[in-house]
Every structure is written in structure tokens, then in C-alpha cells.
Full PDB file with SEQRES, HELIX, SHEET, SSBOND, CRYST1, ORIGX, SCALE, CONECT and MASTER records, all heavy atoms in Angstrom:
SEQRES   1 A   39  ARG ARG ARG LEU ALA HIS MET ARG LYS TRP ILE PRO VAL          
SEQRES   2 A   39  LEU LEU LEU PHE PHE LEU MET THR LEU LEU PRO ALA MET          
SEQRES   3 A   39  ALA GLN GLN GLU TYR THR ILE ASP PRO GLN THR GLY THR          
HELIX    1 AA1 ARG A    2  GLN A   28  1                                  27    
CRYST1    1.000    1.000    1.000  90.00  90.00  90.00 P 1           1          
ORIGX1      1.000000  0.000000  0.000000        0.00000                         
ORIGX2      0.000000  1.000000  0.000000        0.00000                         
ORIGX3      0.000000  0.000000  1.000000        0.00000                         
SCALE1      1.000000  0.000000  0.000000        0.00000                         
SCALE2      0.000000  1.000000  0.000000        0.00000                         
SCALE3      0.000000  0.000000  1.000000        0.00000                         
ATOM      1  N   ARG A   1      -0.865 -33.862  44.248  1.00  0.00           N  
ATOM      2  CA  ARG A   1      -0.330 -34.115  42.885  1.00  0.00           C  
ATOM      3  C   ARG A   1      -1.379 -33.972  41.806  1.00  0.00           C  
ATOM      4  O   ARG A   1      -1.092 -33.437  40.730  1.00  0.00           O  
ATOM      5  CB  ARG A   1       0.272 -35.517  42.759  1.00  0.00           C  
ATOM      6  CG  ARG A   1       1.587 -35.644  43.479  1.00  0.00           C  
ATOM      7  CD  ARG A   1       2.150 -36.993  43.229  1.00  0.00           C  
ATOM      8  NE  ARG A   1       3.234 -37.233  44.175  1.00  0.00           N  
ATOM      9  CZ  ARG A   1       4.234 -37.958  43.953  1.00  0.00           C  
ATOM     10  NH1 ARG A   1       4.334 -38.616  42.787  1.00  0.00           N  
ATOM     11  NH2 ARG A   1       5.200 -38.069  44.789  1.00  0.00           N  
ATOM     12  N   ARG A   2      -2.577 -34.441  42.083  1.00  0.00           N  
ATOM     13  CA  ARG A   2      -3.655 -34.377  41.095  1.00  0.00           C  
ATOM     14  C   ARG A   2      -3.969 -32.916  40.737  1.00  0.00           C  
ATOM     15  O   ARG A   2      -4.149 -32.541  39.581  1.00  0.00           O  
ATOM     16  CB  ARG A   2      -4.889 -35.092  41.593  1.00  0.00           C  
ATOM     17  CG  ARG A   2      -6.083 -34.983  40.638  1.00  0.00           C  
ATOM     18  CD  ARG A   2      -7.259 -35.678  41.191  1.00  0.00           C  
ATOM     19  NE  ARG A   2      -7.185 -37.054  40.769  1.00  0.00           N  
ATOM     20  CZ  ARG A   2      -8.014 -38.016  41.150  1.00  0.00           C  
ATOM     21  NH1 ARG A   2      -8.939 -37.692  42.023  1.00  0.00           N  
ATOM     22  NH2 ARG A   2      -7.925 -39.224  40.720  1.00  0.00           N  
ATOM     23  N   ARG A   3      -4.056 -32.106  41.776  1.00  0.00           N  
ATOM     24  CA  ARG A   3      -4.342 -30.706  41.579  1.00  0.00           C  
ATOM     25  C   ARG A   3      -3.186 -30.004  40.871  1.00  0.00           C  
ATOM     26  O   ARG A   3      -3.393 -29.145  40.009  1.00  0.00           O  
ATOM     27  CB  ARG A   3      -4.612 -30.006  42.932  1.00  0.00           C  
ATOM     28  CG  ARG A   3      -5.069 -28.605  42.770  1.00  0.00           C  
ATOM     29  CD  ARG A   3      -5.614 -28.144  44.047  1.00  0.00           C  
ATOM     30  NE  ARG A   3      -6.642 -27.175  43.802  1.00  0.00           N  
ATOM     31  CZ  ARG A   3      -7.079 -26.328  44.661  1.00  0.00           C  
ATOM     32  NH1 ARG A   3      -6.669 -26.398  45.925  1.00  0.00           N  
ATOM     33  NH2 ARG A   3      -8.006 -25.474  44.370  1.00  0.00           N  
ATOM     34  N   LEU A   4      -1.962 -30.374  41.207  1.00  0.00           N  
ATOM     35  CA  LEU A   4      -0.785 -29.785  40.592  1.00  0.00           C  
ATOM     36  C   LEU A   4      -0.747 -30.133  39.082  1.00  0.00           C  
ATOM     37  O   LEU A   4      -0.490 -29.239  38.203  1.00  0.00           O  
ATOM     38  CB  LEU A   4       0.485 -30.303  41.305  1.00  0.00           C  
ATOM     39  CG  LEU A   4       1.789 -29.609  40.872  1.00  0.00           C  
ATOM     40  CD1 LEU A   4       1.747 -28.159  41.146  1.00  0.00           C  
ATOM     41  CD2 LEU A   4       2.910 -30.255  41.639  1.00  0.00           C  
ATOM     42  N   ALA A   5      -1.067 -31.347  38.726  1.00  0.00           N  
ATOM     43  CA  ALA A   5      -1.146 -31.767  37.310  1.00  0.00           C  
ATOM     44  C   ALA A   5      -2.208 -30.978  36.592  1.00  0.00           C  
ATOM     45  O   ALA A   5      -2.006 -30.526  35.414  1.00  0.00           O  
ATOM     46  CB  ALA A   5      -1.399 -33.267  37.205  1.00  0.00           C  
ATOM     47  N   HIS A   6      -3.324 -30.746  37.216  1.00  0.00           N  
ATOM     48  CA  HIS A   6      -4.405 -29.973  36.596  1.00  0.00           C  
ATOM     49  C   HIS A   6      -3.969 -28.535  36.351  1.00  0.00           C  
ATOM     50  O   HIS A   6      -4.260 -27.942  35.332  1.00  0.00           O  
ATOM     51  CB  HIS A   6      -5.646 -30.019  37.515  1.00  0.00           C  
ATOM     52  CG  HIS A   6      -6.835 -29.233  36.977  1.00  0.00           C  
ATOM     53  ND1 HIS A   6      -7.505 -29.670  35.883  1.00  0.00           N  
ATOM     54  CD2 HIS A   6      -7.360 -28.093  37.363  1.00  0.00           C  
ATOM     55  CE1 HIS A   6      -8.463 -28.800  35.590  1.00  0.00           C  
ATOM     56  NE2 HIS A   6      -8.377 -27.814  36.497  1.00  0.00           N  
ATOM     57  N   MET A   7      -3.250 -27.946  37.320  1.00  0.00           N  
ATOM     58  CA  MET A   7      -2.765 -26.577  37.189  1.00  0.00           C  
ATOM     59  C   MET A   7      -1.749 -26.483  36.077  1.00  0.00           C  
ATOM     60  O   MET A   7      -1.750 -25.462  35.336  1.00  0.00           O  
ATOM     61  CB  MET A   7      -2.171 -26.109  38.539  1.00  0.00           C  
ATOM     62  CG  MET A   7      -3.195 -25.892  39.604  1.00  0.00           C  
ATOM     63  SD  MET A   7      -2.501 -25.581  41.277  1.00  0.00           S  
ATOM     64  CE  MET A   7      -1.473 -24.197  40.947  1.00  0.00           C  
ATOM     65  N   ARG A   8      -0.919 -27.502  35.934  1.00  0.00           N  
ATOM     66  CA  ARG A   8       0.109 -27.408  34.841  1.00  0.00           C  
ATOM     67  C   ARG A   8      -0.500 -27.399  33.465  1.00  0.00           C  
ATOM     68  O   ARG A   8       0.084 -26.878  32.526  1.00  0.00           O  
ATOM     69  CB  ARG A   8       1.074 -28.602  34.988  1.00  0.00           C  
ATOM     70  CG  ARG A   8       2.024 -28.436  36.106  1.00  0.00           C  
ATOM     71  CD  ARG A   8       3.044 -29.559  36.100  1.00  0.00           C  
ATOM     72  NE  ARG A   8       3.937 -29.422  37.216  1.00  0.00           N  
ATOM     73  CZ  ARG A   8       4.437 -30.446  37.888  1.00  0.00           C  
ATOM     74  NH1 ARG A   8       4.141 -31.665  37.518  1.00  0.00           N  
ATOM     75  NH2 ARG A   8       5.251 -30.204  38.872  1.00  0.00           N  
ATOM     76  N   LYS A   9      -1.687 -28.015  33.303  1.00  0.00           N  
ATOM     77  CA  LYS A   9      -2.373 -28.014  32.021  1.00  0.00           C  
ATOM     78  C   LYS A   9      -2.804 -26.597  31.615  1.00  0.00           C  
ATOM     79  O   LYS A   9      -2.872 -26.301  30.446  1.00  0.00           O  
ATOM     80  CB  LYS A   9      -3.595 -28.926  32.038  1.00  0.00           C  
ATOM     81  CG  LYS A   9      -3.241 -30.398  32.146  1.00  0.00           C  
ATOM     82  CD  LYS A   9      -4.513 -31.234  32.134  1.00  0.00           C  
ATOM     83  CE  LYS A   9      -4.153 -32.690  32.362  1.00  0.00           C  
ATOM     84  NZ  LYS A   9      -5.382 -33.501  32.467  1.00  0.00           N  
ATOM     85  N   TRP A  10      -3.071 -25.783  32.590  1.00  0.00           N  
ATOM     86  CA  TRP A  10      -3.573 -24.455  32.280  1.00  0.00           C  
ATOM     87  C   TRP A  10      -2.471 -23.421  32.040  1.00  0.00           C  
ATOM     88  O   TRP A  10      -2.735 -22.368  31.479  1.00  0.00           O  
ATOM     89  CB  TRP A  10      -4.483 -23.957  33.413  1.00  0.00           C  
ATOM     90  CG  TRP A  10      -5.826 -24.593  33.338  1.00  0.00           C  
ATOM     91  CD1 TRP A  10      -6.293 -25.669  34.076  1.00  0.00           C  
ATOM     92  CD2 TRP A  10      -6.865 -24.234  32.498  1.00  0.00           C  
ATOM     93  NE1 TRP A  10      -7.540 -25.985  33.727  1.00  0.00           N  
ATOM     94  CE2 TRP A  10      -7.960 -25.101  32.709  1.00  0.00           C  
ATOM     95  CE3 TRP A  10      -7.049 -23.262  31.474  1.00  0.00           C  
ATOM     96  CZ2 TRP A  10      -9.120 -25.043  32.047  1.00  0.00           C  
ATOM     97  CZ3 TRP A  10      -8.209 -23.176  30.815  1.00  0.00           C  
ATOM     98  CH2 TRP A  10      -9.266 -24.060  31.068  1.00  0.00           C  
ATOM     99  N   ILE A  11      -1.266 -23.731  32.407  1.00  0.00           N  
ATOM    100  CA  ILE A  11      -0.146 -22.750  32.275  1.00  0.00           C  
ATOM    101  C   ILE A  11       0.033 -22.362  30.793  1.00  0.00           C  
ATOM    102  O   ILE A  11       0.097 -21.171  30.514  1.00  0.00           O  
ATOM    103  CB  ILE A  11       1.139 -23.304  32.896  1.00  0.00           C  
ATOM    104  CG1 ILE A  11       0.992 -23.305  34.430  1.00  0.00           C  
ATOM    105  CG2 ILE A  11       2.331 -22.464  32.495  1.00  0.00           C  
ATOM    106  CD1 ILE A  11       2.144 -23.946  35.193  1.00  0.00           C  
ATOM    107  N   PRO A  12       0.111 -23.268  29.780  1.00  0.00           N  
ATOM    108  CA  PRO A  12       0.290 -22.831  28.407  1.00  0.00           C  
ATOM    109  C   PRO A  12      -0.884 -21.971  27.948  1.00  0.00           C  
ATOM    110  O   PRO A  12      -0.725 -21.032  27.201  1.00  0.00           O  
ATOM    111  CB  PRO A  12       0.352 -24.139  27.605  1.00  0.00           C  
ATOM    112  CG  PRO A  12       0.766 -25.196  28.623  1.00  0.00           C  
ATOM    113  CD  PRO A  12       0.200 -24.691  29.914  1.00  0.00           C  
ATOM    114  N   VAL A  13      -2.123 -22.316  28.342  1.00  0.00           N  
ATOM    115  CA  VAL A  13      -3.269 -21.522  27.913  1.00  0.00           C  
ATOM    116  C   VAL A  13      -3.177 -20.107  28.480  1.00  0.00           C  
ATOM    117  O   VAL A  13      -3.451 -19.165  27.761  1.00  0.00           O  
ATOM    118  CB  VAL A  13      -4.582 -22.233  28.385  1.00  0.00           C  
ATOM    119  CG1 VAL A  13      -5.800 -21.363  28.141  1.00  0.00           C  
ATOM    120  CG2 VAL A  13      -4.717 -23.597  27.709  1.00  0.00           C  
ATOM    121  N   LEU A  14      -2.848 -20.013  29.745  1.00  0.00           N  
ATOM    122  CA  LEU A  14      -2.716 -18.686  30.346  1.00  0.00           C  
ATOM    123  C   LEU A  14      -1.560 -17.866  29.749  1.00  0.00           C  
ATOM    124  O   LEU A  14      -1.719 -16.664  29.484  1.00  0.00           O  
ATOM    125  CB  LEU A  14      -2.498 -18.824  31.840  1.00  0.00           C  
ATOM    126  CG  LEU A  14      -3.715 -19.349  32.639  1.00  0.00           C  
ATOM    127  CD1 LEU A  14      -3.301 -19.610  34.062  1.00  0.00           C  
ATOM    128  CD2 LEU A  14      -4.846 -18.441  32.574  1.00  0.00           C  
ATOM    129  N   LEU A  15      -0.467 -18.514  29.386  1.00  0.00           N  
ATOM    130  CA  LEU A  15       0.623 -17.797  28.758  1.00  0.00           C  
ATOM    131  C   LEU A  15       0.239 -17.306  27.361  1.00  0.00           C  
ATOM    132  O   LEU A  15       0.529 -16.180  26.999  1.00  0.00           O  
ATOM    133  CB  LEU A  15       1.873 -18.693  28.650  1.00  0.00           C  
ATOM    134  CG  LEU A  15       2.624 -18.922  29.914  1.00  0.00           C  
ATOM    135  CD1 LEU A  15       3.771 -19.933  29.720  1.00  0.00           C  
ATOM    136  CD2 LEU A  15       3.213 -17.603  30.407  1.00  0.00           C  
ATOM    137  N   LEU A  16      -0.498 -18.143  26.614  1.00  0.00           N  
ATOM    138  CA  LEU A  16      -0.989 -17.748  25.271  1.00  0.00           C  
ATOM    139  C   LEU A  16      -1.885 -16.544  25.375  1.00  0.00           C  
ATOM    140  O   LEU A  16      -1.798 -15.612  24.634  1.00  0.00           O  
ATOM    141  CB  LEU A  16      -1.631 -18.933  24.592  1.00  0.00           C  
ATOM    142  CG  LEU A  16      -2.127 -18.660  23.185  1.00  0.00           C  
ATOM    143  CD1 LEU A  16      -1.008 -18.292  22.256  1.00  0.00           C  
ATOM    144  CD2 LEU A  16      -2.876 -19.850  22.655  1.00  0.00           C  
ATOM    145  N   PHE A  17      -2.851 -16.614  26.318  1.00  0.00           N  
ATOM    146  CA  PHE A  17      -3.755 -15.511  26.499  1.00  0.00           C  
ATOM    147  C   PHE A  17      -3.014 -14.227  26.869  1.00  0.00           C  
ATOM    148  O   PHE A  17      -3.283 -13.161  26.337  1.00  0.00           O  
ATOM    149  CB  PHE A  17      -4.746 -15.860  27.649  1.00  0.00           C  
ATOM    150  CG  PHE A  17      -5.658 -14.716  27.975  1.00  0.00           C  
ATOM    151  CD1 PHE A  17      -6.742 -14.399  27.122  1.00  0.00           C  
ATOM    152  CD2 PHE A  17      -5.485 -13.977  29.125  1.00  0.00           C  
ATOM    153  CE1 PHE A  17      -7.590 -13.353  27.457  1.00  0.00           C  
ATOM    154  CE2 PHE A  17      -6.315 -12.938  29.430  1.00  0.00           C  
ATOM    155  CZ  PHE A  17      -7.357 -12.642  28.583  1.00  0.00           C  
ATOM    156  N   PHE A  18      -2.050 -14.336  27.756  1.00  0.00           N  
ATOM    157  CA  PHE A  18      -1.261 -13.161  28.168  1.00  0.00           C  
ATOM    158  C   PHE A  18      -0.539 -12.566  26.969  1.00  0.00           C  
ATOM    159  O   PHE A  18      -0.541 -11.352  26.805  1.00  0.00           O  
ATOM    160  CB  PHE A  18      -0.246 -13.607  29.288  1.00  0.00           C  
ATOM    161  CG  PHE A  18       0.622 -12.492  29.742  1.00  0.00           C  
ATOM    162  CD1 PHE A  18       0.101 -11.467  30.532  1.00  0.00           C  
ATOM    163  CD2 PHE A  18       1.964 -12.488  29.448  1.00  0.00           C  
ATOM    164  CE1 PHE A  18       0.924 -10.472  30.991  1.00  0.00           C  
ATOM    165  CE2 PHE A  18       2.771 -11.486  29.887  1.00  0.00           C  
ATOM    166  CZ  PHE A  18       2.265 -10.444  30.671  1.00  0.00           C  
ATOM    167  N   LEU A  19       0.089 -13.395  26.138  1.00  0.00           N  
ATOM    168  CA  LEU A  19       0.830 -12.897  24.986  1.00  0.00           C  
ATOM    169  C   LEU A  19      -0.114 -12.265  23.959  1.00  0.00           C  
ATOM    170  O   LEU A  19       0.186 -11.228  23.360  1.00  0.00           O  
ATOM    171  CB  LEU A  19       1.616 -14.048  24.333  1.00  0.00           C  
ATOM    172  CG  LEU A  19       2.845 -14.480  25.113  1.00  0.00           C  
ATOM    173  CD1 LEU A  19       3.462 -15.702  24.419  1.00  0.00           C  
ATOM    174  CD2 LEU A  19       3.878 -13.377  25.185  1.00  0.00           C  
ATOM    175  N   MET A  20      -1.290 -12.868  23.766  1.00  0.00           N  
ATOM    176  CA  MET A  20      -2.243 -12.319  22.801  1.00  0.00           C  
ATOM    177  C   MET A  20      -2.734 -10.919  23.218  1.00  0.00           C  
ATOM    178  O   MET A  20      -2.999 -10.056  22.399  1.00  0.00           O  
ATOM    179  CB  MET A  20      -3.387 -13.250  22.614  1.00  0.00           C  
ATOM    180  CG  MET A  20      -2.979 -14.518  21.773  1.00  0.00           C  
ATOM    181  SD  MET A  20      -4.302 -15.733  21.636  1.00  0.00           S  
ATOM    182  CE  MET A  20      -5.497 -14.735  20.697  1.00  0.00           C  
ATOM    183  N   THR A  21      -2.844 -10.705  24.501  1.00  0.00           N  
ATOM    184  CA  THR A  21      -3.298  -9.406  24.974  1.00  0.00           C  
ATOM    185  C   THR A  21      -2.202  -8.343  24.873  1.00  0.00           C  
ATOM    186  O   THR A  21      -2.458  -7.176  24.756  1.00  0.00           O  
ATOM    187  CB  THR A  21      -3.874  -9.414  26.411  1.00  0.00           C  
ATOM    188  OG1 THR A  21      -2.818  -9.933  27.262  1.00  0.00           O  
ATOM    189  CG2 THR A  21      -5.076 -10.286  26.512  1.00  0.00           C  
ATOM    190  N   LEU A  22      -0.930  -8.803  24.933  1.00  0.00           N  
ATOM    191  CA  LEU A  22       0.180  -7.864  24.817  1.00  0.00           C  
ATOM    192  C   LEU A  22       0.553  -7.487  23.409  1.00  0.00           C  
ATOM    193  O   LEU A  22       1.071  -6.394  23.182  1.00  0.00           O  
ATOM    194  CB  LEU A  22       1.421  -8.475  25.514  1.00  0.00           C  
ATOM    195  CG  LEU A  22       1.451  -8.398  27.048  1.00  0.00           C  
ATOM    196  CD1 LEU A  22       2.741  -9.028  27.557  1.00  0.00           C  
ATOM    197  CD2 LEU A  22       1.307  -7.016  27.546  1.00  0.00           C  
ATOM    198  N   LEU A  23       0.391  -8.368  22.437  1.00  0.00           N  
ATOM    199  CA  LEU A  23       0.874  -8.144  21.088  1.00  0.00           C  
ATOM    200  C   LEU A  23       0.359  -6.829  20.458  1.00  0.00           C  
ATOM    201  O   LEU A  23       1.122  -6.090  19.925  1.00  0.00           O  
ATOM    202  CB  LEU A  23       0.541  -9.320  20.160  1.00  0.00           C  
ATOM    203  CG  LEU A  23       1.417 -10.513  20.434  1.00  0.00           C  
ATOM    204  CD1 LEU A  23       1.004 -11.679  19.514  1.00  0.00           C  
ATOM    205  CD2 LEU A  23       2.923 -10.176  20.234  1.00  0.00           C  
ATOM    206  N   PRO A  24      -0.974  -6.505  20.482  1.00  0.00           N  
ATOM    207  CA  PRO A  24      -1.394  -5.237  19.962  1.00  0.00           C  
ATOM    208  C   PRO A  24      -0.730  -4.033  20.630  1.00  0.00           C  
ATOM    209  O   PRO A  24      -0.331  -3.085  19.976  1.00  0.00           O  
ATOM    210  CB  PRO A  24      -2.919  -5.220  20.179  1.00  0.00           C  
ATOM    211  CG  PRO A  24      -3.280  -6.660  20.285  1.00  0.00           C  
ATOM    212  CD  PRO A  24      -2.085  -7.321  20.949  1.00  0.00           C  
ATOM    213  N   ALA A  25      -0.588  -4.113  21.907  1.00  0.00           N  
ATOM    214  CA  ALA A  25       0.051  -3.012  22.621  1.00  0.00           C  
ATOM    215  C   ALA A  25       1.508  -2.888  22.279  1.00  0.00           C  
ATOM    216  O   ALA A  25       2.024  -1.794  22.110  1.00  0.00           O  
ATOM    217  CB  ALA A  25      -0.076  -3.176  24.159  1.00  0.00           C  
ATOM    218  N   MET A  26       2.173  -4.046  22.075  1.00  0.00           N  
ATOM    219  CA  MET A  26       3.609  -4.017  21.704  1.00  0.00           C  
ATOM    220  C   MET A  26       3.762  -3.416  20.326  1.00  0.00           C  
ATOM    221  O   MET A  26       4.686  -2.688  20.052  1.00  0.00           O  
ATOM    222  CB  MET A  26       4.169  -5.442  21.729  1.00  0.00           C  
ATOM    223  CG  MET A  26       4.357  -5.930  23.171  1.00  0.00           C  
ATOM    224  SD  MET A  26       4.787  -7.691  23.286  1.00  0.00           S  
ATOM    225  CE  MET A  26       6.259  -7.767  22.272  1.00  0.00           C  
ATOM    226  N   ALA A  27       2.867  -3.785  19.351  1.00  0.00           N  
ATOM    227  CA  ALA A  27       2.930  -3.246  18.015  1.00  0.00           C  
ATOM    228  C   ALA A  27       2.792  -1.721  18.032  1.00  0.00           C  
ATOM    229  O   ALA A  27       3.445  -1.023  17.275  1.00  0.00           O  
ATOM    230  CB  ALA A  27       1.880  -3.873  17.129  1.00  0.00           C  
ATOM    231  N   GLN A  28       1.904  -1.223  18.881  1.00  0.00           N  
ATOM    232  CA  GLN A  28       1.731   0.209  18.953  1.00  0.00           C  
ATOM    233  C   GLN A  28       2.892   0.892  19.602  1.00  0.00           C  
ATOM    234  O   GLN A  28       3.229   2.044  19.283  1.00  0.00           O  
ATOM    235  CB  GLN A  28       0.445   0.563  19.693  1.00  0.00           C  
ATOM    236  CG  GLN A  28      -0.785   0.294  18.898  1.00  0.00           C  
ATOM    237  CD  GLN A  28      -2.027   0.912  19.522  1.00  0.00           C  
ATOM    238  OE1 GLN A  28      -1.968   1.616  20.447  1.00  0.00           O  
ATOM    239  NE2 GLN A  28      -3.158   0.611  18.894  1.00  0.00           N  
ATOM    240  N   GLN A  29       3.605   0.206  20.458  1.00  0.00           N  
ATOM    241  CA  GLN A  29       4.760   0.832  21.121  1.00  0.00           C  
ATOM    242  C   GLN A  29       5.940   0.951  20.174  1.00  0.00           C  
ATOM    243  O   GLN A  29       6.920   1.638  20.483  1.00  0.00           O  
ATOM    244  CB  GLN A  29       5.177   0.007  22.361  1.00  0.00           C  
ATOM    245  CG  GLN A  29       4.177   0.177  23.457  1.00  0.00           C  
ATOM    246  CD  GLN A  29       4.539  -0.709  24.658  1.00  0.00           C  
ATOM    247  OE1 GLN A  29       5.435  -1.558  24.599  1.00  0.00           O  
ATOM    248  NE2 GLN A  29       3.828  -0.536  25.720  1.00  0.00           N  
ATOM    249  N   GLU A  30       5.863   0.360  18.985  1.00  0.00           N  
ATOM    250  CA  GLU A  30       6.917   0.482  18.002  1.00  0.00           C  
ATOM    251  C   GLU A  30       6.910   1.871  17.352  1.00  0.00           C  
ATOM    252  O   GLU A  30       7.866   2.239  16.752  1.00  0.00           O  
ATOM    253  CB  GLU A  30       6.736  -0.596  16.874  1.00  0.00           C  
ATOM    254  CG  GLU A  30       6.946  -1.999  17.336  1.00  0.00           C  
ATOM    255  CD  GLU A  30       6.688  -3.008  16.256  1.00  0.00           C  
ATOM    256  OE1 GLU A  30       6.075  -2.669  15.207  1.00  0.00           O  
ATOM    257  OE2 GLU A  30       7.106  -4.126  16.466  1.00  0.00           O  
ATOM    258  N   TYR A  31       5.814   2.578  17.538  1.00  0.00           N  
ATOM    259  CA  TYR A  31       5.647   3.899  16.920  1.00  0.00           C  
ATOM    260  C   TYR A  31       5.409   4.980  17.999  1.00  0.00           C  
ATOM    261  O   TYR A  31       4.789   4.698  19.029  1.00  0.00           O  
ATOM    262  CB  TYR A  31       4.435   3.930  16.000  1.00  0.00           C  
ATOM    263  CG  TYR A  31       4.519   2.990  14.845  1.00  0.00           C  
ATOM    264  CD1 TYR A  31       4.029   1.684  14.874  1.00  0.00           C  
ATOM    265  CD2 TYR A  31       5.183   3.367  13.635  1.00  0.00           C  
ATOM    266  CE1 TYR A  31       4.114   0.789  13.822  1.00  0.00           C  
ATOM    267  CE2 TYR A  31       5.269   2.488  12.564  1.00  0.00           C  
ATOM    268  CZ  TYR A  31       4.757   1.186  12.679  1.00  0.00           C  
ATOM    269  OH  TYR A  31       4.880   0.314  11.607  1.00  0.00           O  
ATOM    270  N   THR A  32       5.877   6.190  17.675  1.00  0.00           N  
ATOM    271  CA  THR A  32       5.448   7.336  18.443  1.00  0.00           C  
ATOM    272  C   THR A  32       4.652   8.217  17.491  1.00  0.00           C  
ATOM    273  O   THR A  32       4.920   8.304  16.316  1.00  0.00           O  
ATOM    274  CB  THR A  32       6.596   8.157  19.063  1.00  0.00           C  
ATOM    275  OG1 THR A  32       7.481   8.525  18.013  1.00  0.00           O  
ATOM    276  CG2 THR A  32       7.352   7.336  20.089  1.00  0.00           C  
ATOM    277  N   ILE A  33       3.633   8.875  18.010  1.00  0.00           N  
ATOM    278  CA  ILE A  33       2.749   9.669  17.172  1.00  0.00           C  
ATOM    279  C   ILE A  33       2.546  11.059  17.762  1.00  0.00           C  
ATOM    280  O   ILE A  33       2.578  11.234  19.005  1.00  0.00           O  
ATOM    281  CB  ILE A  33       1.365   8.956  16.981  1.00  0.00           C  
ATOM    282  CG1 ILE A  33       0.543   9.617  15.966  1.00  0.00           C  
ATOM    283  CG2 ILE A  33       0.636   8.895  18.335  1.00  0.00           C  
ATOM    284  CD1 ILE A  33      -0.641   8.791  15.465  1.00  0.00           C  
ATOM    285  N   ASP A  34       2.433  12.026  16.913  1.00  0.00           N  
ATOM    286  CA  ASP A  34       2.047  13.391  17.336  1.00  0.00           C  
ATOM    287  C   ASP A  34       0.552  13.396  17.472  1.00  0.00           C  
ATOM    288  O   ASP A  34      -0.173  13.298  16.465  1.00  0.00           O  
ATOM    289  CB  ASP A  34       2.517  14.416  16.273  1.00  0.00           C  
ATOM    290  CG  ASP A  34       2.157  15.833  16.643  1.00  0.00           C  
ATOM    291  OD1 ASP A  34       1.199  16.077  17.463  1.00  0.00           O  
ATOM    292  OD2 ASP A  34       2.795  16.748  16.132  1.00  0.00           O  
ATOM    293  N   PRO A  35      -0.004  13.517  18.682  1.00  0.00           N  
ATOM    294  CA  PRO A  35      -1.426  13.404  18.887  1.00  0.00           C  
ATOM    295  C   PRO A  35      -2.238  14.596  18.282  1.00  0.00           C  
ATOM    296  O   PRO A  35      -3.402  14.427  18.000  1.00  0.00           O  
ATOM    297  CB  PRO A  35      -1.615  13.369  20.405  1.00  0.00           C  
ATOM    298  CG  PRO A  35      -0.363  13.956  20.963  1.00  0.00           C  
ATOM    299  CD  PRO A  35       0.732  13.681  19.956  1.00  0.00           C  
ATOM    300  N   GLN A  36      -1.557  15.688  18.011  1.00  0.00           N  
ATOM    301  CA  GLN A  36      -2.211  16.851  17.396  1.00  0.00           C  
ATOM    302  C   GLN A  36      -2.481  16.676  15.912  1.00  0.00           C  
ATOM    303  O   GLN A  36      -3.528  17.069  15.371  1.00  0.00           O  
ATOM    304  CB  GLN A  36      -1.414  18.129  17.624  1.00  0.00           C  
ATOM    305  CG  GLN A  36      -1.050  18.408  19.099  1.00  0.00           C  
ATOM    306  CD  GLN A  36      -2.340  18.617  19.932  1.00  0.00           C  
ATOM    307  OE1 GLN A  36      -3.303  19.232  19.524  1.00  0.00           O  
ATOM    308  NE2 GLN A  36      -2.321  17.996  21.100  1.00  0.00           N  
ATOM    309  N   THR A  37      -1.490  16.025  15.221  1.00  0.00           N  
ATOM    310  CA  THR A  37      -1.579  15.924  13.757  1.00  0.00           C  
ATOM    311  C   THR A  37      -1.861  14.513  13.243  1.00  0.00           C  
ATOM    312  O   THR A  37      -2.124  14.301  12.100  1.00  0.00           O  
ATOM    313  CB  THR A  37      -0.311  16.411  13.121  1.00  0.00           C  
ATOM    314  OG1 THR A  37       0.785  15.607  13.536  1.00  0.00           O  
ATOM    315  CG2 THR A  37      -0.007  17.885  13.491  1.00  0.00           C  
ATOM    316  N   GLY A  38      -1.661  13.519  14.113  1.00  0.00           N  
ATOM    317  CA  GLY A  38      -1.770  12.102  13.693  1.00  0.00           C  
ATOM    318  C   GLY A  38      -0.588  11.665  12.829  1.00  0.00           C  
ATOM    319  O   GLY A  38      -0.684  10.724  12.078  1.00  0.00           O  
ATOM    320  N   THR A  39       0.532  12.340  13.032  1.00  0.00           N  
ATOM    321  CA  THR A  39       1.764  12.008  12.251  1.00  0.00           C  
ATOM    322  C   THR A  39       2.640  11.046  13.060  1.00  0.00           C  
ATOM    323  O   THR A  39       3.019  11.314  14.149  1.00  0.00           O  
ATOM    324  CB  THR A  39       2.543  13.249  11.939  1.00  0.00           C  
ATOM    325  OG1 THR A  39       1.740  14.164  11.181  1.00  0.00           O  
ATOM    326  CG2 THR A  39       3.800  12.966  11.146  1.00  0.00           C  
TER     327      THR A  39                                                      
MASTER        0    0    0    1    0    0    0    6  326    1    0    3          
END                                                                             
């Protein structure tokens, strides 16, 4: 139980880290670009 309680404390931190790493990639996926012209 003690170890399980300790692990539960880290779940929100890990989720936040995961979301922060995905947000820039998600924002870029909103656009498609022509790599030749930068349009």
C-alpha cells in the first residue's frame, strides 16, 4: 500500500509532462505545409 500511494502521487506529474510534450506537436499537426515553398 505504501508503494502504491507513492506511485499515485506521480501519476498527475507524469500526465502533465506527457501532455506538455504533445502540445507543440499537436499545434503543428493543425497545419499542412508545402516543404518546397514554406506555404
